[in-house]
Amino acid sequence: MKGKIGMALAAGCIVLSPAVQAQSGADFAKSKCSACHAVDQERVGPSFKEVSAKNKGDQGAEARLIGKLKEAKSHPKVQASDAELKSVIQYVLKQ
């Protein structure tokens, strides 16, 4: 019985570990994006509010923007987990 519970806990930890390790969207944006972007003012890149407004109502925006960050298309490549990229894009699109 203890062996089955231990295996279940270990499997759960493995499955959940990327989510636990991923930074929140706001924290990721602050640590990795703030040199070029701000929430409400343009810097090197557009503000998060600009990005959000431009993509409002676009059902494919999240996937497209994640692709830009992963593949360096019109944006420098961002080294991050898929969970972190999804989290930061969701944060940006809520601004």
PDB file of N, CA and C in Angstrom:
ATOM      1  N   MET A   1       0.820  -1.197   0.000  1.00  0.00           N
ATOM      2  CA  MET A   1       0.000   0.000   0.000  1.00  0.00           C
ATOM      3  C   MET A   1       0.864   1.262   0.000  1.00  0.00           C
ATOM      4  N   LYS A   2       1.908   1.270   0.872  1.00  0.00           N
ATOM      5  CA  LYS A   2       2.785   2.438   0.933  1.00  0.00           C
ATOM      6  C   LYS A   2       3.488   2.661  -0.397  1.00  0.00           C
ATOM      7  N   GLY A   3       3.849   1.582  -1.067  1.00  0.00           N
ATOM      8  CA  GLY A   3       4.524   1.691  -2.359  1.00  0.00           C
ATOM      9  C   GLY A   3       3.645   2.352  -3.405  1.00  0.00           C
ATOM     10  N   LYS A   4       2.366   2.019  -3.420  1.00  0.00           N
ATOM     11  CA  LYS A   4       1.429   2.608  -4.388  1.00  0.00           C
ATOM     12  C   LYS A   4       1.215   4.093  -4.104  1.00  0.00           C
ATOM     13  N   ILE A   5       1.109   4.436  -2.844  1.00  0.00           N
ATOM     14  CA  ILE A   5       0.925   5.852  -2.479  1.00  0.00           C
ATOM     15  C   ILE A   5       2.177   6.646  -2.839  1.00  0.00           C
ATOM     16  N   GLY A   6       3.340   6.082  -2.542  1.00  0.00           N
ATOM     17  CA  GLY A   6       4.596   6.753  -2.882  1.00  0.00           C
ATOM     18  C   GLY A   6       4.744   6.967  -4.376  1.00  0.00           C
ATOM     19  N   MET A   7       4.382   5.953  -5.162  1.00  0.00           N
ATOM     20  CA  MET A   7       4.454   6.065  -6.622  1.00  0.00           C
ATOM     21  C   MET A   7       3.495   7.134  -7.127  1.00  0.00           C
ATOM     22  N   ALA A   8       2.296   7.176  -6.550  1.00  0.00           N
ATOM     23  CA  ALA A   8       1.305   8.164  -6.963  1.00  0.00           C
ATOM     24  C   ALA A   8       1.801   9.577  -6.634  1.00  0.00           C
ATOM     25  N   LEU A   9       2.377   9.749  -5.464  1.00  0.00           N
ATOM     26  CA  LEU A   9       2.910  11.064  -5.085  1.00  0.00           C
ATOM     27  C   LEU A   9       4.069  11.476  -5.986  1.00  0.00           C
ATOM     28  N   ALA A  10       4.957  10.545  -6.280  1.00  0.00           N
ATOM     29  CA  ALA A  10       6.092  10.849  -7.156  1.00  0.00           C
ATOM     30  C   ALA A  10       5.607  11.231  -8.546  1.00  0.00           C
ATOM     31  N   ALA A  11       4.648  10.492  -9.073  1.00  0.00           N
ATOM     32  CA  ALA A  11       4.101  10.806 -10.397  1.00  0.00           C
ATOM     33  C   ALA A  11       3.442  12.174 -10.386  1.00  0.00           C
ATOM     34  N   GLY A  12       2.714  12.487  -9.328  1.00  0.00           N
ATOM     35  CA  GLY A  12       2.069  13.797  -9.218  1.00  0.00           C
ATOM     36  C   GLY A  12       3.081  14.922  -9.174  1.00  0.00           C
ATOM     37  N   CYS A  13       4.165  14.702  -8.469  1.00  0.00           N
ATOM     38  CA  CYS A  13       5.215  15.732  -8.396  1.00  0.00           C
ATOM     39  C   CYS A  13       5.854  15.959  -9.758  1.00  0.00           C
ATOM     40  N   ILE A  14       6.083  14.889 -10.482  1.00  0.00           N
ATOM     41  CA  ILE A  14       6.689  15.014 -11.806  1.00  0.00           C
ATOM     42  C   ILE A  14       5.757  15.767 -12.746  1.00  0.00           C
ATOM     43  N   VAL A  15       4.483  15.436 -12.695  1.00  0.00           N
ATOM     44  CA  VAL A  15       3.502  16.088 -13.571  1.00  0.00           C
ATOM     45  C   VAL A  15       3.347  17.553 -13.209  1.00  0.00           C
ATOM     46  N   LEU A  16       3.325  17.875 -11.940  1.00  0.00           N
ATOM     47  CA  LEU A  16       3.073  19.243 -11.500  1.00  0.00           C
ATOM     48  C   LEU A  16       4.323  20.107 -11.439  1.00  0.00           C
ATOM     49  N   SER A  17       5.499  19.536 -11.485  1.00  0.00           N
ATOM     50  CA  SER A  17       6.712  20.321 -11.280  1.00  0.00           C
ATOM     51  C   SER A  17       6.884  21.467 -12.267  1.00  0.00           C
ATOM     52  N   PRO A  18       6.606  21.351 -13.569  1.00  0.00           N
ATOM     53  CA  PRO A  18       6.755  22.506 -14.450  1.00  0.00           C
ATOM     54  C   PRO A  18       5.842  23.660 -14.053  1.00  0.00           C
ATOM     55  N   ALA A  19       4.631  23.346 -13.610  1.00  0.00           N
ATOM     56  CA  ALA A  19       3.704  24.399 -13.216  1.00  0.00           C
ATOM     57  C   ALA A  19       4.188  25.096 -11.955  1.00  0.00           C
ATOM     58  N   VAL A  20       4.773  24.341 -11.039  1.00  0.00           N
ATOM     59  CA  VAL A  20       5.272  24.920  -9.801  1.00  0.00           C
ATOM     60  C   VAL A  20       6.491  25.787 -10.085  1.00  0.00           C
ATOM     61  N   GLN A  21       7.353  25.346 -10.995  1.00  0.00           N
ATOM     62  CA  GLN A  21       8.575  26.074 -11.278  1.00  0.00           C
ATOM     63  C   GLN A  21       8.349  27.296 -12.164  1.00  0.00           C
ATOM     64  N   ALA A  22       7.286  27.309 -12.937  1.00  0.00           N
ATOM     65  CA  ALA A  22       7.028  28.410 -13.854  1.00  0.00           C
ATOM     66  C   ALA A  22       6.710  29.682 -13.071  1.00  0.00           C
ATOM     67  N   GLN A  23       7.273  30.791 -13.524  1.00  0.00           N
ATOM     68  CA  GLN A  23       6.980  32.067 -12.902  1.00  0.00           C
ATOM     69  C   GLN A  23       5.588  32.517 -13.311  1.00  0.00           C
ATOM     70  N   SER A  24       4.971  33.344 -12.485  1.00  0.00           N
ATOM     71  CA  SER A  24       3.700  33.933 -12.882  1.00  0.00           C
ATOM     72  C   SER A  24       3.965  34.872 -14.057  1.00  0.00           C
ATOM     73  N   GLY A  25       2.926  35.181 -14.802  1.00  0.00           N
ATOM     74  CA  GLY A  25       3.077  36.068 -15.949  1.00  0.00           C
ATOM     75  C   GLY A  25       3.628  37.425 -15.565  1.00  0.00           C
ATOM     76  N   ALA A  26       3.125  37.982 -14.473  1.00  0.00           N
ATOM     77  CA  ALA A  26       3.585  39.300 -14.023  1.00  0.00           C
ATOM     78  C   ALA A  26       5.045  39.256 -13.599  1.00  0.00           C
ATOM     79  N   ASP A  27       5.422  38.209 -12.860  1.00  0.00           N
ATOM     80  CA  ASP A  27       6.815  38.081 -12.417  1.00  0.00           C
ATOM     81  C   ASP A  27       7.751  37.876 -13.597  1.00  0.00           C
ATOM     82  N   PHE A  28       7.322  37.053 -14.547  1.00  0.00           N
ATOM     83  CA  PHE A  28       8.138  36.806 -15.733  1.00  0.00           C
ATOM     84  C   PHE A  28       8.322  38.099 -16.515  1.00  0.00           C
ATOM     85  N   ALA A  29       7.229  38.830 -16.717  1.00  0.00           N
ATOM     86  CA  ALA A  29       7.303  40.092 -17.455  1.00  0.00           C
ATOM     87  C   ALA A  29       8.246  41.077 -16.764  1.00  0.00           C
ATOM     88  N   LYS A  30       8.164  41.129 -15.458  1.00  0.00           N
ATOM     89  CA  LYS A  30       9.027  42.042 -14.700  1.00  0.00           C
ATOM     90  C   LYS A  30      10.492  41.654 -14.836  1.00  0.00           C
ATOM     91  N   SER A  31      10.778  40.363 -14.752  1.00  0.00           N
ATOM     92  CA  SER A  31      12.177  39.941 -14.773  1.00  0.00           C
ATOM     93  C   SER A  31      12.770  39.828 -16.175  1.00  0.00           C
ATOM     94  N   LYS A  32      11.969  39.493 -17.184  1.00  0.00           N
ATOM     95  CA  LYS A  32      12.519  39.222 -18.511  1.00  0.00           C
ATOM     96  C   LYS A  32      12.127  40.225 -19.593  1.00  0.00           C
ATOM     97  N   CYS A  33      11.058  40.978 -19.375  1.00  0.00           N
ATOM     98  CA  CYS A  33      10.533  41.821 -20.453  1.00  0.00           C
ATOM     99  C   CYS A  33      10.662  43.323 -20.191  1.00  0.00           C
ATOM    100  N   SER A  34      10.875  43.696 -18.951  1.00  0.00           N
ATOM    101  CA  SER A  34      10.796  45.107 -18.577  1.00  0.00           C
ATOM    102  C   SER A  34      11.900  45.989 -19.164  1.00  0.00           C
ATOM    103  N   ALA A  35      12.966  45.405 -19.658  1.00  0.00           N
ATOM    104  CA  ALA A  35      14.004  46.228 -20.296  1.00  0.00           C
ATOM    105  C   ALA A  35      13.489  46.854 -21.590  1.00  0.00           C
ATOM    106  N   CYS A  36      12.563  46.172 -22.255  1.00  0.00           N
ATOM    107  CA  CYS A  36      12.059  46.653 -23.551  1.00  0.00           C
ATOM    108  C   CYS A  36      10.577  47.008 -23.544  1.00  0.00           C
ATOM    109  N   HIS A  37       9.817  46.529 -22.550  1.00  0.00           N
ATOM    110  CA  HIS A  37       8.372  46.746 -22.520  1.00  0.00           C
ATOM    111  C   HIS A  37       7.937  47.250 -21.151  1.00  0.00           C
ATOM    112  N   ALA A  38       6.865  48.014 -21.138  1.00  0.00           N
ATOM    113  CA  ALA A  38       6.207  48.448 -19.904  1.00  0.00           C
ATOM    114  C   ALA A  38       4.716  48.213 -20.082  1.00  0.00           C
ATOM    115  N   VAL A  39       3.988  48.233 -18.993  1.00  0.00           N
ATOM    116  CA  VAL A  39       2.549  47.987 -19.077  1.00  0.00           C
ATOM    117  C   VAL A  39       1.857  49.061 -19.892  1.00  0.00           C
ATOM    118  N   ASP A  40       2.181  50.323 -19.622  1.00  0.00           N
ATOM    119  CA  ASP A  40       1.392  51.392 -20.245  1.00  0.00           C
ATOM    120  C   ASP A  40       2.194  52.443 -21.005  1.00  0.00           C
ATOM    121  N   GLN A  41       3.455  52.176 -21.293  1.00  0.00           N
ATOM    122  CA  GLN A  41       4.220  53.119 -22.101  1.00  0.00           C
ATOM    123  C   GLN A  41       5.168  52.378 -23.042  1.00  0.00           C
ATOM    124  N   GLU A  42       5.330  52.940 -24.214  1.00  0.00           N
ATOM    125  CA  GLU A  42       6.207  52.332 -25.204  1.00  0.00           C
ATOM    126  C   GLU A  42       7.659  52.559 -24.800  1.00  0.00           C
ATOM    127  N   ARG A  43       8.450  51.542 -24.948  1.00  0.00           N
ATOM    128  CA  ARG A  43       9.892  51.636 -24.740  1.00  0.00           C
ATOM    129  C   ARG A  43      10.538  51.197 -26.040  1.00  0.00           C
ATOM    130  N   VAL A  44      11.460  50.279 -26.000  1.00  0.00           N
ATOM    131  CA  VAL A  44      12.033  49.716 -27.218  1.00  0.00           C
ATOM    132  C   VAL A  44      10.928  49.005 -27.999  1.00  0.00           C
ATOM    133  N   GLY A  45      10.070  48.308 -27.263  1.00  0.00           N
ATOM    134  CA  GLY A  45       8.929  47.614 -27.852  1.00  0.00           C
ATOM    135  C   GLY A  45       7.627  48.245 -27.395  1.00  0.00           C
ATOM    136  N   PRO A  46       6.520  47.770 -27.935  1.00  0.00           N
ATOM    137  CA  PRO A  46       5.214  48.339 -27.565  1.00  0.00           C
ATOM    138  C   PRO A  46       4.847  48.017 -26.117  1.00  0.00           C
ATOM    139  N   SER A  47       3.946  48.827 -25.567  1.00  0.00           N
ATOM    140  CA  SER A  47       3.462  48.560 -24.213  1.00  0.00           C
ATOM    141  C   SER A  47       2.581  47.322 -24.226  1.00  0.00           C
ATOM    142  N   PHE A  48       2.427  46.722 -23.072  1.00  0.00           N
ATOM    143  CA  PHE A  48       1.555  45.556 -22.972  1.00  0.00           C
ATOM    144  C   PHE A  48       0.118  45.934 -23.313  1.00  0.00           C
ATOM    145  N   LYS A  49      -0.284  47.139 -22.931  1.00  0.00           N
ATOM    146  CA  LYS A  49      -1.641  47.585 -23.259  1.00  0.00           C
ATOM    147  C   LYS A  49      -1.829  47.698 -24.759  1.00  0.00           C
ATOM    148  N   GLU A  50      -0.805  48.150 -25.468  1.00  0.00           N
ATOM    149  CA  GLU A  50      -0.858  48.216 -26.941  1.00  0.00           C
ATOM    150  C   GLU A  50      -1.010  46.830 -27.545  1.00  0.00           C
ATOM    151  N   VAL A  51      -0.210  45.899 -27.062  1.00  0.00           N
ATOM    152  CA  VAL A  51      -0.258  44.530 -27.568  1.00  0.00           C
ATOM    153  C   VAL A  51      -1.635  43.930 -27.308  1.00  0.00           C
ATOM    154  N   SER A  52      -2.154  44.164 -26.119  1.00  0.00           N
ATOM    155  CA  SER A  52      -3.469  43.648 -25.755  1.00  0.00           C
ATOM    156  C   SER A  52      -4.560  44.237 -26.643  1.00  0.00           C
ATOM    157  N   ALA A  53      -4.527  45.548 -26.838  1.00  0.00           N
ATOM    158  CA  ALA A  53      -5.541  46.212 -27.674  1.00  0.00           C
ATOM    159  C   ALA A  53      -5.469  45.723 -29.116  1.00  0.00           C
ATOM    160  N   LYS A  54      -4.261  45.561 -29.627  1.00  0.00           N
ATOM    161  CA  LYS A  54      -4.084  45.116 -31.006  1.00  0.00           C
ATOM    162  C   LYS A  54      -4.633  43.704 -31.224  1.00  0.00           C
ATOM    163  N   ASN A  55      -4.586  42.882 -30.197  1.00  0.00           N
ATOM    164  CA  ASN A  55      -4.993  41.484 -30.317  1.00  0.00           C
ATOM    165  C   ASN A  55      -6.357  41.170 -29.711  1.00  0.00           C
ATOM    166  N   LYS A  56      -7.069  42.196 -29.287  1.00  0.00           N
ATOM    167  CA  LYS A  56      -8.378  42.006 -28.661  1.00  0.00           C
ATOM    168  C   LYS A  56      -9.318  41.269 -29.616  1.00  0.00           C
ATOM    169  N   GLY A  57      -9.938  40.222 -29.110  1.00  0.00           N
ATOM    170  CA  GLY A  57     -10.891  39.459 -29.896  1.00  0.00           C
ATOM    171  C   GLY A  57     -10.279  38.442 -30.849  1.00  0.00           C
ATOM    172  N   ASP A  58      -8.969  38.399 -30.944  1.00  0.00           N
ATOM    173  CA  ASP A  58      -8.286  37.457 -31.825  1.00  0.00           C
ATOM    174  C   ASP A  58      -8.088  36.141 -31.075  1.00  0.00           C
ATOM    175  N   GLN A  59      -8.829  35.116 -31.450  1.00  0.00           N
ATOM    176  CA  GLN A  59      -8.767  33.829 -30.766  1.00  0.00           C
ATOM    177  C   GLN A  59      -7.403  33.152 -30.911  1.00  0.00           C
ATOM    178  N   GLY A  60      -6.669  33.469 -31.951  1.00  0.00           N
ATOM    179  CA  GLY A  60      -5.375  32.849 -32.175  1.00  0.00           C
ATOM    180  C   GLY A  60      -4.200  33.659 -31.666  1.00  0.00           C
ATOM    181  N   ALA A  61      -4.478  34.769 -30.999  1.00  0.00           N
ATOM    182  CA  ALA A  61      -3.409  35.672 -30.556  1.00  0.00           C
ATOM    183  C   ALA A  61      -2.426  34.996 -29.603  1.00  0.00           C
ATOM    184  N   GLU A  62      -2.949  34.257 -28.640  1.00  0.00           N
ATOM    185  CA  GLU A  62      -2.063  33.642 -27.650  1.00  0.00           C
ATOM    186  C   GLU A  62      -1.048  32.722 -28.325  1.00  0.00           C
ATOM    187  N   ALA A  63      -1.522  31.831 -29.163  1.00  0.00           N
ATOM    188  CA  ALA A  63      -0.623  30.884 -29.838  1.00  0.00           C
ATOM    189  C   ALA A  63       0.347  31.610 -30.763  1.00  0.00           C
ATOM    190  N   ARG A  64      -0.124  32.615 -31.467  1.00  0.00           N
ATOM    191  CA  ARG A  64       0.733  33.353 -32.396  1.00  0.00           C
ATOM    192  C   ARG A  64       1.834  34.094 -31.646  1.00  0.00           C
ATOM    193  N   LEU A  65       1.478  34.740 -30.541  1.00  0.00           N
ATOM    194  CA  LEU A  65       2.466  35.497 -29.771  1.00  0.00           C
ATOM    195  C   LEU A  65       3.480  34.574 -29.090  1.00  0.00           C
ATOM    196  N   ILE A  66       3.023  33.437 -28.599  1.00  0.00           N
ATOM    197  CA  ILE A  66       3.947  32.461 -28.027  1.00  0.00           C
ATOM    198  C   ILE A  66       4.928  32.006 -29.105  1.00  0.00           C
ATOM    199  N   GLY A  67       4.424  31.779 -30.303  1.00  0.00           N
ATOM    200  CA  GLY A  67       5.283  31.385 -31.418  1.00  0.00           C
ATOM    201  C   GLY A  67       6.340  32.431 -31.727  1.00  0.00           C
ATOM    202  N   LYS A  68       5.956  33.704 -31.680  1.00  0.00           N
ATOM    203  CA  LYS A  68       6.928  34.780 -31.925  1.00  0.00           C
ATOM    204  C   LYS A  68       8.054  34.753 -30.901  1.00  0.00           C
ATOM    205  N   LEU A  69       7.704  34.505 -29.650  1.00  0.00           N
ATOM    206  CA  LEU A  69       8.716  34.487 -28.593  1.00  0.00           C
ATOM    207  C   LEU A  69       9.613  33.257 -28.699  1.00  0.00           C
ATOM    208  N   LYS A  70       9.039  32.127 -29.088  1.00  0.00           N
ATOM    209  CA  LYS A  70       9.807  30.881 -29.179  1.00  0.00           C
ATOM    210  C   LYS A  70      10.687  30.829 -30.421  1.00  0.00           C
ATOM    211  N   GLU A  71      10.215  31.407 -31.525  1.00  0.00           N
ATOM    212  CA  GLU A  71      10.884  31.250 -32.811  1.00  0.00           C
ATOM    213  C   GLU A  71      11.630  32.501 -33.282  1.00  0.00           C
ATOM    214  N   ALA A  72      11.635  33.537 -32.475  1.00  0.00           N
ATOM    215  CA  ALA A  72      12.319  34.785 -32.822  1.00  0.00           C
ATOM    216  C   ALA A  72      11.782  35.400 -34.112  1.00  0.00           C
ATOM    217  N   LYS A  73      10.466  35.464 -34.221  1.00  0.00           N
ATOM    218  CA  LYS A  73       9.830  36.112 -35.372  1.00  0.00           C
ATOM    219  C   LYS A  73       9.358  37.495 -34.936  1.00  0.00           C
ATOM    220  N   SER A  74      10.014  38.512 -35.417  1.00  0.00           N
ATOM    221  CA  SER A  74       9.764  39.922 -35.098  1.00  0.00           C
ATOM    222  C   SER A  74       9.914  40.226 -33.604  1.00  0.00           C
ATOM    223  N   HIS A  75      10.633  39.381 -32.901  1.00  0.00           N
ATOM    224  CA  HIS A  75      10.924  39.577 -31.483  1.00  0.00           C
ATOM    225  C   HIS A  75      12.111  38.675 -31.158  1.00  0.00           C
ATOM    226  N   PRO A  76      13.049  39.129 -30.343  1.00  0.00           N
ATOM    227  CA  PRO A  76      14.157  38.250 -29.964  1.00  0.00           C
ATOM    228  C   PRO A  76      13.644  36.970 -29.302  1.00  0.00           C
ATOM    229  N   LYS A  77      14.348  35.878 -29.519  1.00  0.00           N
ATOM    230  CA  LYS A  77      13.957  34.594 -28.943  1.00  0.00           C
ATOM    231  C   LYS A  77      14.023  34.671 -27.423  1.00  0.00           C
ATOM    232  N   VAL A  78      13.015  34.121 -26.778  1.00  0.00           N
ATOM    233  CA  VAL A  78      12.944  34.118 -25.319  1.00  0.00           C
ATOM    234  C   VAL A  78      13.167  32.698 -24.826  1.00  0.00           C
ATOM    235  N   GLN A  79      14.161  32.533 -23.964  1.00  0.00           N
ATOM    236  CA  GLN A  79      14.447  31.226 -23.378  1.00  0.00           C
ATOM    237  C   GLN A  79      13.557  31.056 -22.152  1.00  0.00           C
ATOM    238  N   ALA A  80      12.527  30.225 -22.281  1.00  0.00           N
ATOM    239  CA  ALA A  80      11.591  29.986 -21.182  1.00  0.00           C
ATOM    240  C   ALA A  80      10.823  28.709 -21.465  1.00  0.00           C
ATOM    241  N   SER A  81      10.206  28.193 -20.431  1.00  0.00           N
ATOM    242  CA  SER A  81       9.375  26.999 -20.599  1.00  0.00           C
ATOM    243  C   SER A  81       8.082  27.396 -21.311  1.00  0.00           C
ATOM    244  N   ASP A  82       7.407  26.412 -21.866  1.00  0.00           N
ATOM    245  CA  ASP A  82       6.118  26.672 -22.510  1.00  0.00           C
ATOM    246  C   ASP A  82       5.130  27.258 -21.506  1.00  0.00           C
ATOM    247  N   ALA A  83       5.171  26.762 -20.266  1.00  0.00           N
ATOM    248  CA  ALA A  83       4.264  27.267 -19.221  1.00  0.00           C
ATOM    249  C   ALA A  83       4.542  28.738 -18.922  1.00  0.00           C
ATOM    250  N   GLU A  84       5.814  29.122 -18.871  1.00  0.00           N
ATOM    251  CA  GLU A  84       6.156  30.531 -18.612  1.00  0.00           C
ATOM    252  C   GLU A  84       5.730  31.415 -19.772  1.00  0.00           C
ATOM    253  N   LEU A  85       5.953  30.956 -20.992  1.00  0.00           N
ATOM    254  CA  LEU A  85       5.552  31.751 -22.150  1.00  0.00           C
ATOM    255  C   LEU A  85       4.043  31.931 -22.186  1.00  0.00           C
ATOM    256  N   LYS A  86       3.313  30.874 -21.926  1.00  0.00           N
ATOM    257  CA  LYS A  86       1.854  30.970 -21.908  1.00  0.00           C
ATOM    258  C   LYS A  86       1.405  31.930 -20.812  1.00  0.00           C
ATOM    259  N   SER A  87       2.015  31.827 -19.655  1.00  0.00           N
ATOM    260  CA  SER A  87       1.661  32.678 -18.523  1.00  0.00           C
ATOM    261  C   SER A  87       1.914  34.154 -18.824  1.00  0.00           C
ATOM    262  N   VAL A  88       3.062  34.472 -19.409  1.00  0.00           N
ATOM    263  CA  VAL A  88       3.371  35.874 -19.684  1.00  0.00           C
ATOM    264  C   VAL A  88       2.479  36.427 -20.799  1.00  0.00           C
ATOM    265  N   ILE A  89       2.182  35.628 -21.808  1.00  0.00           N
ATOM    266  CA  ILE A  89       1.309  36.095 -22.883  1.00  0.00           C
ATOM    267  C   ILE A  89      -0.103  36.318 -22.352  1.00  0.00           C
ATOM    268  N   GLN A  90      -0.586  35.436 -21.510  1.00  0.00           N
ATOM    269  CA  GLN A  90      -1.907  35.636 -20.915  1.00  0.00           C
ATOM    270  C   GLN A  90      -1.924  36.909 -20.079  1.00  0.00           C
ATOM    271  N   TYR A  91      -0.853  37.159 -19.342  1.00  0.00           N
ATOM    272  CA  TYR A  91      -0.742  38.387 -18.553  1.00  0.00           C
ATOM    273  C   TYR A  91      -0.785  39.619 -19.460  1.00  0.00           C
ATOM    274  N   VAL A  92       0.005  39.607 -20.513  1.00  0.00           N
ATOM    275  CA  VAL A  92       0.059  40.750 -21.444  1.00  0.00           C
ATOM    276  C   VAL A  92      -1.311  40.994 -22.077  1.00  0.00           C
ATOM    277  N   LEU A  93      -1.971  39.945 -22.501  1.00  0.00           N
ATOM    278  CA  LEU A  93      -3.271  40.103 -23.171  1.00  0.00           C
ATOM    279  C   LEU A  93      -4.375  40.564 -22.232  1.00  0.00           C
ATOM    280  N   LYS A  94      -4.163  40.496 -20.933  1.00  0.00           N
ATOM    281  CA  LYS A  94      -5.156  40.978 -19.956  1.00  0.00           C
ATOM    282  C   LYS A  94      -4.975  42.452 -19.617  1.00  0.00           C
ATOM    283  N   GLN A  95      -3.924  43.063 -20.125  1.00  0.00           N
ATOM    284  CA  GLN A  95      -3.653  44.471 -19.797  1.00  0.00           C
ATOM    285  C   GLN A  95      -4.580  45.403 -20.558  1.00  0.00           C
TER     286      GLN A  95
END
